[in-house]
Amino acid sequence: MTLQWTAVAFFLYVQIAFNIILCVPFISPQRWCLIFSWRIWKWLSHYWNKCFFTIIMVLIVLFLDAAREVHKYSCPEPMQEDTVNSNLFDHFYMRLFRAQRNVYITGFSLFQWLIMWRIIILLKKVALAIENNAGLQAQMENAAKAAEQHQEENRRLKQTLVDEEKVISEDILQLKLEVESLSSQLETAETAVRKSHAEVEAMKMQIKDLAKEYERLLSEHHQLQNLQSAADEKIQ
C-alpha cells in the first residue's frame, strides 16, 4: 500500500473511531457542544469550511482514480491463463484487488466524513434544542409559579371579600337593629310628645276656664263691692 492510500486508510479508521465516540450515549449533546466551544475549535472554525471541502475534493479525486484503476483492470484480458505466465496473471488480479480496495477505502472515507459532519451539526442542533427546551421549561415553571401566586392572591382576595362581606353584613344587621331601636324610641318619643301636646291643650283649656271663672268671680266681687257701697250710703 502506497503512502497516499495508507493515509486514506488511517483517516478512515480515525473517522470510524471518532463517529463511534460521537454516538456514545452517555456523552450528552450539551457536553459535546461545550467541547466544540473550546477556544481551539473557535480558532479552527475559520479554516473549517476550506478544510472540509478540500478533504472532500481530495477523497473524490482519489475515489475517481481508484475507480479508474478498477475499470482498467476489470476489462477482459487479452491473454488466457494457459498462454500467459502465472506470475503475470497473479500480478494482474493483485492490481485489481488493490484498486477495488482503494475504491472501498476512499468511498467509505468520504461517506464517513459526510456522516461525521452531519452528526456534529445534529449534535449542535440537539444541544440548542435542549437548551431552548430547558429555557422554555424554566419559563413554563416561572409561568406556573406566577399562576399559582395569582391564584393564591385571588384566593386571598376572595377570602378578604368574604370576610369584608361578613363584616359588612354584621354591620348592616347591627345598623338595622339600631334603626329599629331608634324607630321604637322615636315612636315612644312621638307618643310622649302627642301626650304632652294633649296635656298642654288640656292645661290651656283649664287655664281658659280658670280665667273665665276668675273674671266671673271678679265681676261678682265688684258687684258685691258696689252693693255694699250702696248699702253703706243708705245707712248713713
C-alpha atoms as a PDB file:
ATOM      1  CA  MET A   1       0.000   0.000   0.000  1.00  0.00           C
ATOM      2  CA  THR A   2       1.421   3.332  -1.050  1.00  0.00           C
ATOM      3  CA  LEU A   3       1.689   6.342   1.249  1.00  0.00           C
ATOM      4  CA  GLN A   4      -1.430   8.072  -0.013  1.00  0.00           C
ATOM      5  CA  TRP A   5      -3.644   5.017   0.427  1.00  0.00           C
ATOM      6  CA  THR A   6      -2.098   4.365   3.844  1.00  0.00           C
ATOM      7  CA  ALA A   7      -3.041   7.943   4.822  1.00  0.00           C
ATOM      8  CA  VAL A   8      -6.570   7.460   3.460  1.00  0.00           C
ATOM      9  CA  ALA A   9      -6.952   4.169   5.385  1.00  0.00           C
ATOM     10  CA  PHE A  10      -5.661   5.790   8.572  1.00  0.00           C
ATOM     11  CA  PHE A  11      -8.051   8.709   8.007  1.00  0.00           C
ATOM     12  CA  LEU A  12     -10.909   6.215   7.604  1.00  0.00           C
ATOM     13  CA  TYR A  13     -10.019   4.412  10.858  1.00  0.00           C
ATOM     14  CA  VAL A  14      -9.837   7.760  12.674  1.00  0.00           C
ATOM     15  CA  GLN A  15     -13.244   8.738  11.278  1.00  0.00           C
ATOM     16  CA  ILE A  16     -14.800   5.439  12.337  1.00  0.00           C
ATOM     17  CA  ALA A  17     -13.392   5.793  15.858  1.00  0.00           C
ATOM     18  CA  PHE A  18     -14.499   9.424  16.102  1.00  0.00           C
ATOM     19  CA  ASN A  19     -18.012   8.627  14.839  1.00  0.00           C
ATOM     20  CA  ILE A  20     -18.280   5.808  17.355  1.00  0.00           C
ATOM     21  CA  ILE A  21     -17.239   8.235  20.106  1.00  0.00           C
ATOM     22  CA  LEU A  22     -19.812  10.762  18.856  1.00  0.00           C
ATOM     23  CA  CYS A  23     -22.505   8.095  19.052  1.00  0.00           C
ATOM     24  CA  VAL A  24     -21.621   7.068  22.617  1.00  0.00           C
ATOM     25  CA  PRO A  25     -24.911   7.512  24.544  1.00  0.00           C
ATOM     26  CA  PHE A  26     -23.520   8.596  27.919  1.00  0.00           C
ATOM     27  CA  ILE A  27     -21.916  11.748  26.469  1.00  0.00           C
ATOM     28  CA  SER A  28     -24.718  14.276  26.225  1.00  0.00           C
ATOM     29  CA  PRO A  29     -25.094  16.737  23.341  1.00  0.00           C
ATOM     30  CA  GLN A  30     -24.589  19.612  25.798  1.00  0.00           C
ATOM     31  CA  ARG A  31     -21.193  18.203  26.715  1.00  0.00           C
ATOM     32  CA  TRP A  32     -20.256  17.869  23.038  1.00  0.00           C
ATOM     33  CA  CYS A  33     -21.437  21.432  22.456  1.00  0.00           C
ATOM     34  CA  LEU A  34     -19.295  22.521  25.378  1.00  0.00           C
ATOM     35  CA  ILE A  35     -16.330  20.656  23.916  1.00  0.00           C
ATOM     36  CA  PHE A  36     -16.912  22.215  20.493  1.00  0.00           C
ATOM     37  CA  SER A  37     -16.965  25.650  22.107  1.00  0.00           C
ATOM     38  CA  TRP A  38     -13.340  25.376  23.223  1.00  0.00           C
ATOM     39  CA  ARG A  39     -11.017  28.099  22.032  1.00  0.00           C
ATOM     40  CA  ILE A  40      -9.051  25.799  19.738  1.00  0.00           C
ATOM     41  CA  TRP A  41     -12.219  24.866  17.836  1.00  0.00           C
ATOM     42  CA  LYS A  42     -13.148  28.516  17.533  1.00  0.00           C
ATOM     43  CA  TRP A  43      -9.706  29.151  16.082  1.00  0.00           C
ATOM     44  CA  LEU A  44     -10.039  26.197  13.688  1.00  0.00           C
ATOM     45  CA  SER A  45     -13.562  27.193  12.689  1.00  0.00           C
ATOM     46  CA  HIS A  46     -12.119  29.901  10.422  1.00  0.00           C
ATOM     47  CA  TYR A  47     -10.435  27.182   8.381  1.00  0.00           C
ATOM     48  CA  TRP A  48     -13.112  24.513   8.792  1.00  0.00           C
ATOM     49  CA  ASN A  49     -15.037  25.122   5.574  1.00  0.00           C
ATOM     50  CA  LYS A  50     -11.895  25.235   3.461  1.00  0.00           C
ATOM     51  CA  CYS A  51     -10.513  22.110   5.139  1.00  0.00           C
ATOM     52  CA  PHE A  52     -13.846  20.295   4.823  1.00  0.00           C
ATOM     53  CA  PHE A  53     -14.256  20.926   1.104  1.00  0.00           C
ATOM     54  CA  THR A  54     -10.562  20.313   0.462  1.00  0.00           C
ATOM     55  CA  ILE A  55     -10.748  16.866   2.066  1.00  0.00           C
ATOM     56  CA  ILE A  56     -13.920  16.118   0.084  1.00  0.00           C
ATOM     57  CA  MET A  57     -12.223  17.101  -3.159  1.00  0.00           C
ATOM     58  CA  VAL A  58      -9.134  15.023  -2.328  1.00  0.00           C
ATOM     59  CA  LEU A  59     -11.257  11.998  -1.464  1.00  0.00           C
ATOM     60  CA  ILE A  60     -13.333  12.412  -4.619  1.00  0.00           C
ATOM     61  CA  VAL A  61     -10.187  12.615  -6.745  1.00  0.00           C
ATOM     62  CA  LEU A  62      -8.760   9.508  -5.053  1.00  0.00           C
ATOM     63  CA  PHE A  63     -12.057   7.705  -5.428  1.00  0.00           C
ATOM     64  CA  LEU A  64     -12.221   8.502  -9.134  1.00  0.00           C
ATOM     65  CA  ASP A  65      -8.599   7.424  -9.562  1.00  0.00           C
ATOM     66  CA  ALA A  66      -9.316   4.144  -7.782  1.00  0.00           C
ATOM     67  CA  ALA A  67     -12.460   3.644  -9.866  1.00  0.00           C
ATOM     68  CA  ARG A  68     -10.431   4.268 -12.992  1.00  0.00           C
ATOM     69  CA  GLU A  69      -7.948   1.630 -11.861  1.00  0.00           C
ATOM     70  CA  VAL A  70     -10.794  -0.813 -11.197  1.00  0.00           C
ATOM     71  CA  HIS A  71     -12.233  -0.156 -14.639  1.00  0.00           C
ATOM     72  CA  LYS A  72      -8.779  -0.539 -16.153  1.00  0.00           C
ATOM     73  CA  TYR A  73      -8.148  -3.952 -14.610  1.00  0.00           C
ATOM     74  CA  SER A  74     -11.748  -5.132 -14.939  1.00  0.00           C
ATOM     75  CA  CYS A  75     -11.568  -5.198 -18.748  1.00  0.00           C
ATOM     76  CA  PRO A  76     -11.379  -8.666 -20.397  1.00  0.00           C
ATOM     77  CA  GLU A  77      -7.831  -9.861 -20.511  1.00  0.00           C
ATOM     78  CA  PRO A  78      -6.353 -10.274 -23.930  1.00  0.00           C
ATOM     79  CA  MET A  79      -4.441 -13.252 -22.698  1.00  0.00           C
ATOM     80  CA  GLN A  80      -5.520 -16.649 -21.456  1.00  0.00           C
ATOM     81  CA  GLU A  81      -4.267 -18.408 -18.402  1.00  0.00           C
ATOM     82  CA  ASP A  82      -2.747 -21.236 -20.376  1.00  0.00           C
ATOM     83  CA  THR A  83      -0.751 -18.929 -22.593  1.00  0.00           C
ATOM     84  CA  VAL A  84       0.444 -16.382 -20.018  1.00  0.00           C
ATOM     85  CA  ASN A  85       2.838 -16.640 -17.188  1.00  0.00           C
ATOM     86  CA  SER A  86       1.044 -17.376 -13.914  1.00  0.00           C
ATOM     87  CA  ASN A  87       3.046 -14.713 -12.070  1.00  0.00           C
ATOM     88  CA  LEU A  88       1.869 -12.051 -14.517  1.00  0.00           C
ATOM     89  CA  PHE A  89      -1.720 -13.290 -14.121  1.00  0.00           C
ATOM     90  CA  ASP A  90      -1.483 -13.077 -10.318  1.00  0.00           C
ATOM     91  CA  HIS A  91       0.035  -9.612 -10.579  1.00  0.00           C
ATOM     92  CA  PHE A  92      -2.905  -8.503 -12.753  1.00  0.00           C
ATOM     93  CA  TYR A  93      -5.507  -9.660 -10.220  1.00  0.00           C
ATOM     94  CA  MET A  94      -3.465  -8.230  -7.358  1.00  0.00           C
ATOM     95  CA  ARG A  95      -3.635  -4.810  -9.002  1.00  0.00           C
ATOM     96  CA  LEU A  96      -7.383  -5.277  -9.499  1.00  0.00           C
ATOM     97  CA  PHE A  97      -7.777  -6.247  -5.848  1.00  0.00           C
ATOM     98  CA  ARG A  98      -5.798  -3.177  -4.728  1.00  0.00           C
ATOM     99  CA  ALA A  99      -7.840  -0.886  -6.962  1.00  0.00           C
ATOM    100  CA  GLN A 100     -11.091  -2.291  -5.547  1.00  0.00           C
ATOM    101  CA  ARG A 101      -9.707  -1.966  -2.003  1.00  0.00           C
ATOM    102  CA  ASN A 102      -8.802   1.667  -2.701  1.00  0.00           C
ATOM    103  CA  VAL A 103     -12.312   2.324  -4.032  1.00  0.00           C
ATOM    104  CA  TYR A 104     -13.821   0.909  -0.864  1.00  0.00           C
ATOM    105  CA  ILE A 105     -11.413   2.843   1.359  1.00  0.00           C
ATOM    106  CA  THR A 106     -11.980   6.189  -0.349  1.00  0.00           C
ATOM    107  CA  GLY A 107     -15.730   5.619  -0.699  1.00  0.00           C
ATOM    108  CA  PHE A 108     -16.193   4.709   2.953  1.00  0.00           C
ATOM    109  CA  SER A 109     -13.862   7.512   3.993  1.00  0.00           C
ATOM    110  CA  LEU A 110     -15.892  10.037   2.005  1.00  0.00           C
ATOM    111  CA  PHE A 111     -19.111   8.585   3.407  1.00  0.00           C
ATOM    112  CA  GLN A 112     -17.769   8.662   6.988  1.00  0.00           C
ATOM    113  CA  TRP A 113     -16.589  12.250   6.522  1.00  0.00           C
ATOM    114  CA  LEU A 114     -20.058  13.358   5.469  1.00  0.00           C
ATOM    115  CA  ILE A 115     -21.618  11.317   8.280  1.00  0.00           C
ATOM    116  CA  MET A 116     -19.271  12.889  10.842  1.00  0.00           C
ATOM    117  CA  TRP A 117     -20.085  16.381   9.572  1.00  0.00           C
ATOM    118  CA  ARG A 118     -23.810  15.631   9.761  1.00  0.00           C
ATOM    119  CA  ILE A 119     -23.551  14.126  13.250  1.00  0.00           C
ATOM    120  CA  ILE A 120     -21.715  17.212  14.532  1.00  0.00           C
ATOM    121  CA  ILE A 121     -24.396  19.507  13.082  1.00  0.00           C
ATOM    122  CA  LEU A 122     -27.174  17.369  14.582  1.00  0.00           C
ATOM    123  CA  LEU A 123     -25.438  17.317  17.968  1.00  0.00           C
ATOM    124  CA  LYS A 124     -25.258  21.101  17.920  1.00  0.00           C
ATOM    125  CA  LYS A 125     -28.923  21.328  16.936  1.00  0.00           C
ATOM    126  CA  VAL A 126     -29.917  18.850  19.635  1.00  0.00           C
ATOM    127  CA  ALA A 127     -27.882  20.758  22.238  1.00  0.00           C
ATOM    128  CA  LEU A 128     -29.506  24.017  21.120  1.00  0.00           C
ATOM    129  CA  ALA A 129     -32.939  22.382  21.197  1.00  0.00           C
ATOM    130  CA  ILE A 130     -32.252  21.024  24.683  1.00  0.00           C
ATOM    131  CA  GLU A 131     -31.131  24.478  25.850  1.00  0.00           C
ATOM    132  CA  ASN A 132     -34.225  26.049  24.322  1.00  0.00           C
ATOM    133  CA  ASN A 133     -36.332  23.316  25.893  1.00  0.00           C
ATOM    134  CA  ALA A 134     -34.683  23.989  29.236  1.00  0.00           C
ATOM    135  CA  GLY A 135     -35.358  27.694  28.771  1.00  0.00           C
ATOM    136  CA  LEU A 136     -38.967  27.000  27.822  1.00  0.00           C
ATOM    137  CA  GLN A 137     -39.257  24.630  30.773  1.00  0.00           C
ATOM    138  CA  ALA A 138     -37.906  27.345  33.067  1.00  0.00           C
ATOM    139  CA  GLN A 139     -40.353  29.830  31.548  1.00  0.00           C
ATOM    140  CA  MET A 140     -43.185  27.349  31.986  1.00  0.00           C
ATOM    141  CA  GLU A 141     -42.176  26.779  35.598  1.00  0.00           C
ATOM    142  CA  ASN A 142     -41.991  30.529  36.184  1.00  0.00           C
ATOM    143  CA  ALA A 143     -45.361  30.947  34.495  1.00  0.00           C
ATOM    144  CA  ALA A 144     -46.781  28.117  36.618  1.00  0.00           C
ATOM    145  CA  LYS A 145     -45.353  29.723  39.757  1.00  0.00           C
ATOM    146  CA  ALA A 146     -46.757  33.099  38.706  1.00  0.00           C
ATOM    147  CA  ALA A 147     -50.132  31.466  38.012  1.00  0.00           C
ATOM    148  CA  GLU A 148     -50.037  29.788  41.419  1.00  0.00           C
ATOM    149  CA  GLN A 149     -49.167  33.123  43.024  1.00  0.00           C
ATOM    150  CA  HIS A 150     -52.027  34.806  41.165  1.00  0.00           C
ATOM    151  CA  GLN A 151     -54.363  32.024  42.211  1.00  0.00           C
ATOM    152  CA  GLU A 152     -53.184  32.380  45.799  1.00  0.00           C
ATOM    153  CA  GLU A 153     -53.674  36.155  45.607  1.00  0.00           C
ATOM    154  CA  ASN A 154     -57.124  35.650  44.085  1.00  0.00           C
ATOM    155  CA  ARG A 155     -57.963  33.193  46.845  1.00  0.00           C
ATOM    156  CA  ARG A 156     -56.773  35.680  49.444  1.00  0.00           C
ATOM    157  CA  LEU A 157     -58.754  38.466  47.789  1.00  0.00           C
ATOM    158  CA  LYS A 158     -61.840  36.279  47.673  1.00  0.00           C
ATOM    159  CA  GLN A 159     -61.351  35.353  51.329  1.00  0.00           C
ATOM    160  CA  THR A 160     -60.845  39.037  52.150  1.00  0.00           C
ATOM    161  CA  LEU A 161     -64.007  39.928  50.223  1.00  0.00           C
ATOM    162  CA  VAL A 162     -65.922  37.188  52.010  1.00  0.00           C
ATOM    163  CA  ASP A 163     -64.650  38.427  55.375  1.00  0.00           C
ATOM    164  CA  GLU A 164     -65.490  42.005  54.441  1.00  0.00           C
ATOM    165  CA  GLU A 165     -68.946  40.910  53.300  1.00  0.00           C
ATOM    166  CA  LYS A 166     -69.423  39.144  56.613  1.00  0.00           C
ATOM    167  CA  VAL A 167     -68.282  42.250  58.493  1.00  0.00           C
ATOM    168  CA  ILE A 168     -70.486  44.461  56.315  1.00  0.00           C
ATOM    169  CA  SER A 169     -73.443  42.141  56.786  1.00  0.00           C
ATOM    170  CA  GLU A 170     -72.849  42.167  60.531  1.00  0.00           C
ATOM    171  CA  ASP A 171     -72.578  45.966  60.464  1.00  0.00           C
ATOM    172  CA  ILE A 172     -75.752  46.180  58.384  1.00  0.00           C
ATOM    173  CA  LEU A 173     -77.535  43.872  60.805  1.00  0.00           C
ATOM    174  CA  GLN A 174     -76.322  45.955  63.712  1.00  0.00           C
ATOM    175  CA  LEU A 175     -77.410  49.129  61.931  1.00  0.00           C
ATOM    176  CA  LYS A 176     -80.795  47.577  61.261  1.00  0.00           C
ATOM    177  CA  LEU A 177     -81.108  46.729  64.940  1.00  0.00           C
ATOM    178  CA  GLU A 178     -80.050  50.261  65.848  1.00  0.00           C
ATOM    179  CA  VAL A 179     -82.519  51.690  63.337  1.00  0.00           C
ATOM    180  CA  GLU A 180     -85.268  49.516  64.743  1.00  0.00           C
ATOM    181  CA  SER A 181     -84.297  50.597  68.269  1.00  0.00           C
ATOM    182  CA  LEU A 182     -84.224  54.241  67.215  1.00  0.00           C
ATOM    183  CA  SER A 183     -87.532  53.802  65.412  1.00  0.00           C
ATOM    184  CA  SER A 184     -89.099  52.363  68.544  1.00  0.00           C
ATOM    185  CA  GLN A 185     -87.574  55.171  70.606  1.00  0.00           C
ATOM    186  CA  LEU A 186     -88.861  57.679  68.048  1.00  0.00           C
ATOM    187  CA  GLU A 187     -92.325  56.181  68.209  1.00  0.00           C
ATOM    188  CA  THR A 188     -92.159  56.318  72.007  1.00  0.00           C
ATOM    189  CA  ALA A 189     -90.997  59.922  71.828  1.00  0.00           C
ATOM    190  CA  GLU A 190     -93.740  60.790  69.340  1.00  0.00           C
ATOM    191  CA  THR A 191     -96.264  59.175  71.642  1.00  0.00           C
ATOM    192  CA  ALA A 192     -94.866  61.152  74.585  1.00  0.00           C
ATOM    193  CA  VAL A 193     -94.943  64.337  72.517  1.00  0.00           C
ATOM    194  CA  ARG A 194     -98.530  63.716  71.469  1.00  0.00           C
ATOM    195  CA  LYS A 195     -99.383  63.020  75.088  1.00  0.00           C
ATOM    196  CA  SER A 196     -97.581  66.195  76.133  1.00  0.00           C
ATOM    197  CA  HIS A 197     -99.454  68.160  73.477  1.00  0.00           C
ATOM    198  CA  ALA A 198    -102.700  66.722  74.752  1.00  0.00           C
ATOM    199  CA  GLU A 199    -101.782  67.633  78.324  1.00  0.00           C
ATOM    200  CA  VAL A 200    -100.799  71.139  77.208  1.00  0.00           C
ATOM    201  CA  GLU A 201    -104.096  71.520  75.361  1.00  0.00           C
ATOM    202  CA  ALA A 202    -105.901  70.316  78.470  1.00  0.00           C
ATOM    203  CA  MET A 203    -103.963  72.727  80.629  1.00  0.00           C
ATOM    204  CA  LYS A 204    -104.750  75.545  78.162  1.00  0.00           C
ATOM    205  CA  MET A 205    -108.422  74.657  78.392  1.00  0.00           C
ATOM    206  CA  GLN A 206    -108.187  74.599  82.190  1.00  0.00           C
ATOM    207  CA  ILE A 207    -106.412  77.955  82.172  1.00  0.00           C
ATOM    208  CA  LYS A 208    -109.109  79.440  79.927  1.00  0.00           C
ATOM    209  CA  ASP A 209    -111.780  78.028  82.215  1.00  0.00           C
ATOM    210  CA  LEU A 210    -109.935  79.373  85.262  1.00  0.00           C
ATOM    211  CA  ALA A 211    -109.577  82.766  83.575  1.00  0.00           C
ATOM    212  CA  LYS A 212    -113.314  82.843  82.817  1.00  0.00           C
ATOM    213  CA  GLU A 213    -114.105  81.764  86.377  1.00  0.00           C
ATOM    214  CA  TYR A 214    -111.712  84.407  87.709  1.00  0.00           C
ATOM    215  CA  GLU A 215    -113.348  87.085  85.593  1.00  0.00           C
ATOM    216  CA  ARG A 216    -116.753  85.946  86.742  1.00  0.00           C
ATOM    217  CA  LEU A 217    -115.671  85.957  90.358  1.00  0.00           C
ATOM    218  CA  LEU A 218    -114.019  89.327  89.856  1.00  0.00           C
ATOM    219  CA  SER A 219    -117.191  90.769  88.357  1.00  0.00           C
ATOM    220  CA  GLU A 220    -119.240  89.299  91.211  1.00  0.00           C
ATOM    221  CA  HIS A 221    -116.740  90.779  93.645  1.00  0.00           C
ATOM    222  CA  HIS A 222    -117.152  94.168  92.017  1.00  0.00           C
ATOM    223  CA  GLN A 223    -120.877  93.805  92.126  1.00  0.00           C
ATOM    224  CA  LEU A 224    -120.739  92.875  95.808  1.00  0.00           C
ATOM    225  CA  GLN A 225    -118.499  95.835  96.492  1.00  0.00           C
ATOM    226  CA  ASN A 226    -120.894  98.076  94.644  1.00  0.00           C
ATOM    227  CA  LEU A 227    -123.837  96.665  96.578  1.00  0.00           C
ATOM    228  CA  GLN A 228    -122.006  97.075  99.854  1.00  0.00           C
ATOM    229  CA  SER A 229    -121.080 100.651  98.985  1.00  0.00           C
ATOM    230  CA  ALA A 230    -124.687 101.414  98.118  1.00  0.00           C
ATOM    231  CA  ALA A 231    -125.847  99.837 101.378  1.00  0.00           C
ATOM    232  CA  ASP A 232    -123.351 101.857 103.347  1.00  0.00           C
ATOM    233  CA  GLU A 233    -124.542 105.023 101.689  1.00  0.00           C
ATOM    234  CA  LYS A 234    -128.107 104.222 102.551  1.00  0.00           C
ATOM    235  CA  ILE A 235    -127.229 103.570 106.151  1.00  0.00           C
ATOM    236  CA  GLN A 236    -125.559 106.882 106.501  1.00  0.00           C
END
